[in-house]
Amino acid sequence: MENKPRQNILLRVFLHPTIKQIFRYGITTGISYIFILGMMYLAVDMLGFPKRYSYAVINAINYIGVYIAYSRFVFKNEINRSTLIRFILFLGVSWIVSYLFFWALDFFFDLHYVFIVVLNTIILGSMRFFANKKLVFKK
């Protein structure tokens, strides 16, 4: 009997809309970074393109799919003009920050691109979630 109230609290926490959004955001972001890493491997390791330019182009392409996934799956918004404009503005800022982060770690520390992408995901990913939730996909 004592576990029943505790189970109800845990169930309410896990069913909270923001927790569900974080979970869906994690899935979507994970898939997008698998795409980025796969395309980086193809571009850099197999085709010999420079990693900085490859990351810039691949990340830009990735954001198209991310917008659709965030609209439909994560934040459950209609794809409309105002959301798209906010997303494009946020995309520009986010892309610049992400690229500068990638460039700085590559230029100053000469790290492998996989490590930089993982760091980017960990450090900038949570900030992107809350910015998307509060600024882009607000209802």
Protein backbone atom coordinates (compact mmCIF):
# COMPACT_ATOMS: atom_id res chain seq x y z
CA MET A 1 0.00 0.00 0.00
CA GLU A 2 2.81 2.45 0.77
CA ASN A 3 4.21 2.18 -2.75
CA LYS A 4 0.94 3.19 -4.39
CA PRO A 5 1.20 6.97 -3.71
CA ARG A 6 4.85 6.90 -4.75
CA GLN A 7 4.00 5.10 -7.98
CA ASN A 8 1.34 7.70 -8.74
CA ILE A 9 3.87 10.51 -8.24
CA LEU A 10 6.41 8.81 -10.51
CA LEU A 11 3.75 8.14 -13.11
CA ARG A 12 2.66 11.79 -13.06
CA VAL A 13 6.26 12.94 -13.41
CA PHE A 14 6.93 10.67 -16.38
CA LEU A 15 3.63 11.61 -18.02
CA HIS A 16 4.19 15.34 -17.59
CA PRO A 17 4.06 17.04 -21.02
CA THR A 18 7.53 18.57 -20.69
CA ILE A 19 9.10 15.23 -19.71
CA LYS A 20 7.43 13.59 -22.70
CA GLN A 21 8.73 16.39 -24.93
CA ILE A 22 12.27 15.96 -23.56
CA PHE A 23 12.07 12.23 -24.27
CA ARG A 24 10.80 12.80 -27.84
CA TYR A 25 13.39 15.56 -28.32
CA GLY A 26 16.12 13.13 -27.22
CA ILE A 27 14.96 10.53 -29.74
CA THR A 28 14.72 13.08 -32.56
CA THR A 29 18.06 14.66 -31.71
CA GLY A 30 19.71 11.25 -31.42
CA ILE A 31 18.49 10.28 -34.89
CA SER A 32 19.63 13.63 -36.30
CA TYR A 33 23.11 13.20 -34.85
CA ILE A 34 23.34 9.66 -36.20
CA PHE A 35 22.57 11.23 -39.59
CA ILE A 36 25.23 13.91 -39.04
CA LEU A 37 27.87 11.39 -37.95
CA GLY A 38 27.07 9.06 -40.85
CA MET A 39 27.23 11.85 -43.38
CA MET A 40 30.43 13.21 -41.81
CA TYR A 41 32.01 9.77 -42.13
CA LEU A 42 30.97 9.61 -45.77
CA ALA A 43 32.11 13.16 -46.57
CA VAL A 44 35.34 13.31 -44.54
CA ASP A 45 36.65 9.75 -44.28
CA MET A 46 35.41 8.27 -47.54
CA LEU A 47 35.30 11.24 -49.91
CA GLY A 48 38.07 13.36 -48.37
CA PHE A 49 36.15 16.64 -47.94
CA PRO A 50 37.39 19.08 -45.25
CA LYS A 51 35.62 18.44 -41.96
CA ARG A 52 34.73 22.08 -41.21
CA TYR A 53 32.96 22.62 -44.52
CA SER A 54 31.35 19.20 -44.40
CA TYR A 55 29.92 19.88 -40.95
CA ALA A 56 28.52 23.24 -42.05
CA VAL A 57 26.70 21.79 -45.06
CA ILE A 58 25.54 18.57 -43.39
CA ASN A 59 24.26 20.43 -40.33
CA ALA A 60 22.28 22.82 -42.53
CA ILE A 61 20.67 19.91 -44.40
CA ASN A 62 19.93 18.19 -41.10
CA TYR A 63 17.96 21.17 -39.81
CA ILE A 64 15.31 20.72 -42.52
CA GLY A 65 14.40 17.29 -41.20
CA VAL A 66 14.73 18.47 -37.62
CA TYR A 67 12.16 21.23 -38.16
CA ILE A 68 9.60 18.76 -39.48
CA ALA A 69 10.31 16.27 -36.68
CA TYR A 70 10.15 18.92 -33.96
CA SER A 71 6.91 20.34 -35.37
CA ARG A 72 5.13 17.02 -35.72
CA PHE A 73 6.66 14.71 -33.12
CA VAL A 74 8.20 16.74 -30.29
CA PHE A 75 6.18 19.91 -29.82
CA LYS A 76 3.05 18.81 -31.73
CA ASN A 77 2.62 22.13 -33.55
CA GLU A 78 1.12 22.78 -36.92
CA ILE A 79 3.67 23.72 -39.53
CA ASN A 80 2.76 27.33 -40.19
CA ARG A 81 4.34 30.54 -41.37
CA SER A 82 4.99 32.15 -37.97
CA THR A 83 6.57 29.01 -36.51
CA LEU A 84 8.65 28.55 -39.65
CA ILE A 85 9.91 32.15 -39.48
CA ARG A 86 10.85 31.77 -35.79
CA PHE A 87 12.53 28.44 -36.58
CA ILE A 88 14.53 29.94 -39.46
CA LEU A 89 15.71 32.81 -37.23
CA PHE A 90 16.60 30.39 -34.44
CA LEU A 91 18.17 28.08 -37.00
CA GLY A 92 20.48 30.85 -38.18
CA VAL A 93 21.64 31.63 -34.66
CA SER A 94 21.87 27.96 -33.70
CA TRP A 95 23.77 27.04 -36.87
CA ILE A 96 26.28 29.86 -36.32
CA VAL A 97 26.84 28.91 -32.67
CA SER A 98 27.15 25.22 -33.57
CA TYR A 99 29.57 25.90 -36.41
CA LEU A 100 31.71 28.29 -34.33
CA PHE A 101 31.81 25.69 -31.56
CA PHE A 102 32.89 23.03 -34.08
CA TRP A 103 35.43 25.36 -35.69
CA ALA A 104 36.97 26.45 -32.36
CA LEU A 105 37.41 22.90 -31.08
CA ASP A 106 38.87 21.84 -34.40
CA PHE A 107 41.14 24.87 -34.83
CA PHE A 108 42.45 25.21 -31.29
CA PHE A 109 42.51 21.57 -30.19
CA ASP A 110 42.50 19.63 -33.49
CA LEU A 111 39.97 17.15 -32.09
CA HIS A 112 38.42 14.37 -34.14
CA TYR A 113 35.08 15.39 -35.67
CA VAL A 114 33.17 12.60 -33.87
CA PHE A 115 34.28 13.91 -30.48
CA ILE A 116 33.34 17.48 -31.47
CA VAL A 117 29.87 16.42 -32.65
CA VAL A 118 29.28 14.51 -29.40
CA LEU A 119 30.40 17.51 -27.32
CA ASN A 120 28.17 19.74 -29.41
CA THR A 121 25.22 17.44 -28.72
CA ILE A 122 25.84 17.35 -24.98
CA ILE A 123 26.60 21.03 -24.44
CA LEU A 124 24.32 22.75 -26.93
CA GLY A 125 21.52 20.18 -27.13
CA SER A 126 19.80 21.05 -23.86
CA MET A 127 19.97 24.75 -24.64
CA ARG A 128 18.37 24.09 -28.03
CA PHE A 129 15.50 22.15 -26.43
CA PHE A 130 14.50 24.98 -24.12
CA ALA A 131 14.99 27.63 -26.81
CA ASN A 132 12.82 25.65 -29.22
CA LYS A 133 10.17 25.08 -26.55
CA LYS A 134 10.00 28.68 -25.32
CA LEU A 135 10.83 30.67 -28.46
CA VAL A 136 10.10 28.69 -31.60
CA PHE A 137 7.27 26.25 -30.90
CA LYS A 138 5.45 28.25 -28.24
CA LYS A 139 1.70 27.96 -28.31
